[in-house]
């Protein structure tokens, strides 16, 4: 089902269907949860890296501790 209606004047957008799709529903929620789980996993992996591995990716131990301690929904750039 598309977000458009056929009318005597031609094709026009169906605003109620477009609003329902914009909200997203369960698919958006599951997508958000998938992102959060990925963030948690990668931050745990970062915390488990040794100093040699951190040096390879250009991070210090302090950077790794800071990043791994951030909340999952805190995904913006880090504050300086």
N, C-alpha and C. Protein backbone atom coordinates (compact mmCIF):
# COMPACT_ATOMS: atom_id res chain seq x y z
N UNK A 1 0.85 -1.17 0.00
CA UNK A 1 0.00 0.00 0.00
C UNK A 1 0.89 1.23 0.00
N UNK A 2 0.63 2.13 -0.93
CA UNK A 2 1.46 3.33 -1.03
C UNK A 2 0.88 4.47 -0.22
N UNK A 3 1.61 5.53 -0.14
CA UNK A 3 1.16 6.71 0.58
C UNK A 3 0.46 7.71 -0.33
N UNK A 4 -0.13 7.22 -1.44
CA UNK A 4 -0.79 8.10 -2.39
C UNK A 4 -2.22 7.64 -2.63
N UNK A 5 -3.07 8.57 -3.01
CA UNK A 5 -4.47 8.29 -3.33
C UNK A 5 -4.75 8.69 -4.76
N UNK A 6 -5.58 7.91 -5.44
CA UNK A 6 -6.06 8.31 -6.76
C UNK A 6 -7.32 9.12 -6.57
N UNK A 7 -7.40 10.26 -7.20
CA UNK A 7 -8.58 11.10 -7.11
C UNK A 7 -8.91 11.62 -8.49
N UNK A 8 -10.13 12.18 -8.67
CA UNK A 8 -10.49 12.71 -9.99
C UNK A 8 -9.48 13.77 -10.47
N UNK A 9 -8.86 14.46 -9.58
CA UNK A 9 -7.89 15.49 -9.96
C UNK A 9 -6.49 14.94 -10.20
N UNK A 10 -6.29 13.66 -10.02
CA UNK A 10 -4.98 13.05 -10.22
C UNK A 10 -4.52 12.32 -8.97
N UNK A 11 -3.25 12.12 -8.87
CA UNK A 11 -2.67 11.40 -7.74
C UNK A 11 -2.27 12.43 -6.68
N UNK A 12 -2.64 12.16 -5.43
CA UNK A 12 -2.22 13.03 -4.33
C UNK A 12 -1.77 12.18 -3.17
N UNK A 13 -1.01 12.79 -2.28
CA UNK A 13 -0.49 12.10 -1.10
C UNK A 13 -1.60 11.80 -0.12
N UNK A 14 -1.50 10.65 0.55
CA UNK A 14 -2.41 10.28 1.62
C UNK A 14 -1.74 10.69 2.93
N UNK A 15 -2.11 11.84 3.52
CA UNK A 15 -1.38 12.33 4.70
C UNK A 15 -1.46 11.41 5.90
N UNK A 16 -2.58 10.75 6.13
CA UNK A 16 -2.67 9.89 7.32
C UNK A 16 -1.73 8.69 7.20
N UNK A 17 -1.65 8.10 6.00
CA UNK A 17 -0.75 6.97 5.80
C UNK A 17 0.71 7.43 5.89
N UNK A 18 0.99 8.61 5.36
CA UNK A 18 2.36 9.13 5.44
C UNK A 18 2.76 9.35 6.89
N UNK A 19 1.85 9.84 7.73
CA UNK A 19 2.17 10.06 9.15
C UNK A 19 2.42 8.74 9.85
N UNK A 20 1.60 7.72 9.56
CA UNK A 20 1.80 6.42 10.19
C UNK A 20 3.16 5.85 9.80
N UNK A 21 3.55 6.01 8.55
CA UNK A 21 4.85 5.49 8.12
C UNK A 21 5.99 6.28 8.74
N UNK A 22 5.79 7.58 8.93
CA UNK A 22 6.84 8.41 9.52
C UNK A 22 7.12 7.99 10.95
N UNK A 23 6.09 7.56 11.66
CA UNK A 23 6.27 7.12 13.05
C UNK A 23 7.11 5.86 13.12
N UNK A 24 7.00 5.01 12.13
CA UNK A 24 7.86 3.84 12.06
C UNK A 24 7.28 2.59 12.67
N UNK A 25 6.86 2.61 13.90
CA UNK A 25 6.30 1.43 14.54
C UNK A 25 7.36 0.47 15.03
N UNK A 26 7.02 -0.81 14.99
CA UNK A 26 7.87 -1.85 15.54
C UNK A 26 9.20 -1.96 14.81
N UNK A 27 9.19 -1.77 13.50
CA UNK A 27 10.44 -1.89 12.74
C UNK A 27 11.45 -0.85 13.20
N UNK A 28 10.99 0.35 13.46
CA UNK A 28 11.89 1.39 13.93
C UNK A 28 12.40 1.06 15.33
N UNK A 29 11.53 0.56 16.18
CA UNK A 29 11.92 0.20 17.54
C UNK A 29 12.97 -0.89 17.53
N UNK A 30 12.75 -1.93 16.71
CA UNK A 30 13.73 -3.02 16.64
C UNK A 30 15.03 -2.53 16.03
N UNK A 31 14.96 -1.62 15.08
CA UNK A 31 16.17 -1.04 14.51
C UNK A 31 16.96 -0.27 15.56
N UNK A 32 16.26 0.51 16.37
CA UNK A 32 16.90 1.28 17.44
C UNK A 32 17.54 0.34 18.45
N UNK A 33 16.85 -0.73 18.82
CA UNK A 33 17.41 -1.69 19.76
C UNK A 33 18.65 -2.37 19.18
N UNK A 34 18.63 -2.67 17.90
CA UNK A 34 19.80 -3.25 17.25
C UNK A 34 21.01 -2.34 17.32
N UNK A 35 20.77 -1.04 17.11
CA UNK A 35 21.86 -0.06 17.20
C UNK A 35 22.39 -0.01 18.62
N UNK A 36 21.51 0.00 19.61
CA UNK A 36 21.95 0.07 21.00
C UNK A 36 22.76 -1.17 21.38
N UNK A 37 22.33 -2.34 20.95
CA UNK A 37 23.08 -3.56 21.25
C UNK A 37 24.45 -3.55 20.59
N UNK A 38 24.51 -3.02 19.38
CA UNK A 38 25.80 -2.93 18.68
C UNK A 38 26.75 -1.97 19.41
N UNK A 39 26.22 -0.86 19.88
CA UNK A 39 27.03 0.11 20.63
C UNK A 39 27.56 -0.52 21.92
N UNK A 40 26.69 -1.22 22.64
CA UNK A 40 27.11 -1.87 23.88
C UNK A 40 28.23 -2.88 23.59
N UNK A 41 28.05 -3.68 22.54
CA UNK A 41 29.03 -4.70 22.19
C UNK A 41 30.37 -4.08 21.82
N UNK A 42 30.35 -3.06 20.98
CA UNK A 42 31.62 -2.47 20.55
C UNK A 42 32.31 -1.74 21.69
N UNK A 43 31.56 -1.14 22.58
CA UNK A 43 32.20 -0.47 23.73
C UNK A 43 32.80 -1.47 24.70
N UNK A 44 32.18 -2.63 24.84
CA UNK A 44 32.77 -3.69 25.68
C UNK A 44 34.05 -4.21 25.04
N UNK A 45 34.04 -4.38 23.71
CA UNK A 45 35.23 -4.83 23.02
C UNK A 45 36.36 -3.82 23.14
N UNK A 46 36.03 -2.55 23.07
CA UNK A 46 37.01 -1.49 23.24
C UNK A 46 37.64 -1.55 24.63
N UNK A 47 36.82 -1.76 25.64
CA UNK A 47 37.32 -1.84 27.02
C UNK A 47 38.24 -3.05 27.21
N UNK A 48 38.04 -4.10 26.44
CA UNK A 48 38.84 -5.31 26.59
C UNK A 48 40.15 -5.28 25.82
N UNK A 49 40.36 -4.26 24.99
CA UNK A 49 41.59 -4.19 24.20
C UNK A 49 42.80 -3.88 25.08
N UNK A 50 43.94 -4.47 24.69
CA UNK A 50 45.17 -4.16 25.41
C UNK A 50 45.80 -2.88 24.82
N UNK A 51 46.86 -2.41 25.46
CA UNK A 51 47.47 -1.14 25.06
C UNK A 51 48.01 -1.18 23.63
N UNK A 52 48.53 -2.31 23.19
CA UNK A 52 49.03 -2.44 21.83
C UNK A 52 47.91 -2.26 20.82
N UNK A 53 46.77 -2.88 21.08
CA UNK A 53 45.62 -2.76 20.18
C UNK A 53 45.09 -1.33 20.14
N UNK A 54 45.04 -0.71 21.31
CA UNK A 54 44.57 0.68 21.36
C UNK A 54 45.51 1.60 20.60
N UNK A 55 46.81 1.36 20.72
CA UNK A 55 47.79 2.17 20.00
C UNK A 55 47.60 2.02 18.49
N UNK A 56 47.26 0.80 18.04
CA UNK A 56 47.03 0.56 16.61
C UNK A 56 45.87 1.39 16.06
N UNK A 57 44.87 1.65 16.87
CA UNK A 57 43.73 2.43 16.40
C UNK A 57 43.80 3.89 16.84
N UNK A 58 44.91 4.27 17.48
CA UNK A 58 45.15 5.66 17.83
C UNK A 58 44.44 6.16 19.06
N UNK A 59 44.17 5.27 20.02
CA UNK A 59 43.52 5.67 21.27
C UNK A 59 44.41 5.37 22.46
N UNK A 60 44.26 6.17 23.49
CA UNK A 60 44.96 5.90 24.74
C UNK A 60 44.05 5.07 25.64
N UNK A 61 44.60 4.57 26.72
CA UNK A 61 43.80 3.81 27.69
C UNK A 61 42.70 4.71 28.27
N UNK A 62 43.04 5.98 28.53
CA UNK A 62 42.05 6.91 29.08
C UNK A 62 40.89 7.13 28.11
N UNK A 63 41.21 7.23 26.80
CA UNK A 63 40.15 7.37 25.79
C UNK A 63 39.23 6.14 25.79
N UNK A 64 39.84 4.96 25.88
CA UNK A 64 39.07 3.73 25.86
C UNK A 64 38.16 3.62 27.09
N UNK A 65 38.70 3.99 28.24
CA UNK A 65 37.90 3.94 29.47
C UNK A 65 36.73 4.92 29.38
N UNK A 66 37.01 6.12 28.86
CA UNK A 66 35.95 7.12 28.72
C UNK A 66 34.85 6.63 27.77
N UNK A 67 35.26 6.14 26.59
CA UNK A 67 34.28 5.68 25.59
C UNK A 67 33.47 4.49 26.09
N UNK A 68 34.13 3.56 26.75
CA UNK A 68 33.41 2.36 27.21
C UNK A 68 32.48 2.67 28.37
N UNK A 69 32.68 3.78 29.05
CA UNK A 69 31.82 4.16 30.16
C UNK A 69 30.60 4.99 29.75
N UNK A 70 30.54 5.38 28.49
CA UNK A 70 29.40 6.18 28.02
C UNK A 70 28.14 5.32 27.94
N UNK A 71 26.99 5.96 28.10
CA UNK A 71 25.71 5.27 28.01
C UNK A 71 25.42 4.89 26.56
N UNK A 72 24.68 3.82 26.33
CA UNK A 72 24.44 3.36 24.95
C UNK A 72 23.80 4.41 24.05
N UNK A 73 22.92 5.23 24.57
CA UNK A 73 22.25 6.21 23.73
C UNK A 73 23.07 7.48 23.55
N UNK A 74 24.22 7.54 24.21
CA UNK A 74 25.14 8.67 24.05
C UNK A 74 26.04 8.37 22.86
N UNK A 75 25.55 8.66 21.66
CA UNK A 75 26.28 8.27 20.46
C UNK A 75 26.83 9.46 19.68
N UNK A 76 26.64 10.66 20.19
CA UNK A 76 27.17 11.84 19.53
C UNK A 76 28.66 11.94 19.73
N UNK A 77 29.26 12.96 19.12
CA UNK A 77 30.70 13.14 19.31
C UNK A 77 31.00 13.42 20.78
N UNK A 78 32.13 13.03 21.20
CA UNK A 78 32.50 13.19 22.60
C UNK A 78 32.78 14.65 22.90
N UNK A 79 32.38 15.08 24.08
CA UNK A 79 32.61 16.46 24.51
C UNK A 79 34.08 16.66 24.82
N UNK A 80 34.60 17.80 24.44
CA UNK A 80 36.02 18.09 24.68
C UNK A 80 36.21 18.76 25.99
